[in-house]
């Protein structure tokens, strides 16, 4: 069972943009879904976005719709999360996760995912 490896976290000013990358050791086609979660200090881990590997359907939390875009690059076995118009509430540790089974109604539930990365820190601050 492969483990995701996240990268791309940084300190960015409000209104700025950032792209996170989630790398897999092999093909991402072996998974049913790949999700991005985040956790701010003192808060629970929350689902940010998800992409279904079978049909490419994407899912977003209401708080990031229109600002974040998830995509999958099959050539490099990576999943990207492009984040625009960042604000201070986007600050947190961002985690990538792989799911071997997938239910669309539960895309944002951590328990649905089987393998987690170590996370990458995103800080939005002036």
Foldseek 3Di string as FASTA:
>chain_A
DWAWAKDWADEAAAQAKTKMKIATPDFLLQFQKKFKWWDDPPGDIWTAKMAGSVPRDIDGDPVQPPFWDWDADRVRRMIMIIGGRDDQVVWGWMKMFTARDDDPVCRTPVVRTDHIYPTGGHGYHD
